[in-house]
Amino acid sequence: MSDASKASPQIYGYHAHVYYDAETLPAAERLRAGLAASFPVELGAFSGAEVGPHPVPQFQIIFTKAQFQDVVPWLMVNREGLDILIHPLTDDMVDDHSVYALWLGAPIALKLHTMQRRGYRDALLPKAA
């Protein structure tokens, strides 16, 4: 049972990080194209390398709280075996990528020591619908 005295953090939206390597890049490209065709989400570029806490190449998806119910089930059935991190956007990046993380596929050990316990700059939040 949850502790009613502790308030849940405010959620401003969500990120999904789709991980790939040279072998799975074609599947990641198909997934990204399918997302673009199906949802008005914000899609980041293919990183091609490590970036931030992500130790392997990935691309980012930014979506709103309202889109969660459509985007996440779509990712579940269309991920083609890719590993995907889904996390909320609160005022604590570290908890978002660890405590509140949802994984589709195998979890990847993130480099959490590279992050700060703060919120996100505007460019990383969903645009107002």
Foldseek 3Di string as FASTA:
>chain_A
DDDPVDDDFDFQWKKKKWFDDPVCVVLVVVVVVVCVVPDPWDKADFPCADDQQRHGTIIMITGGPVCCVPVVVVCLVRVVQIKMKMFTFGQAPLCRRPVRIDIRHDDDRTNSVRDGGGGDDPVRHTDDD
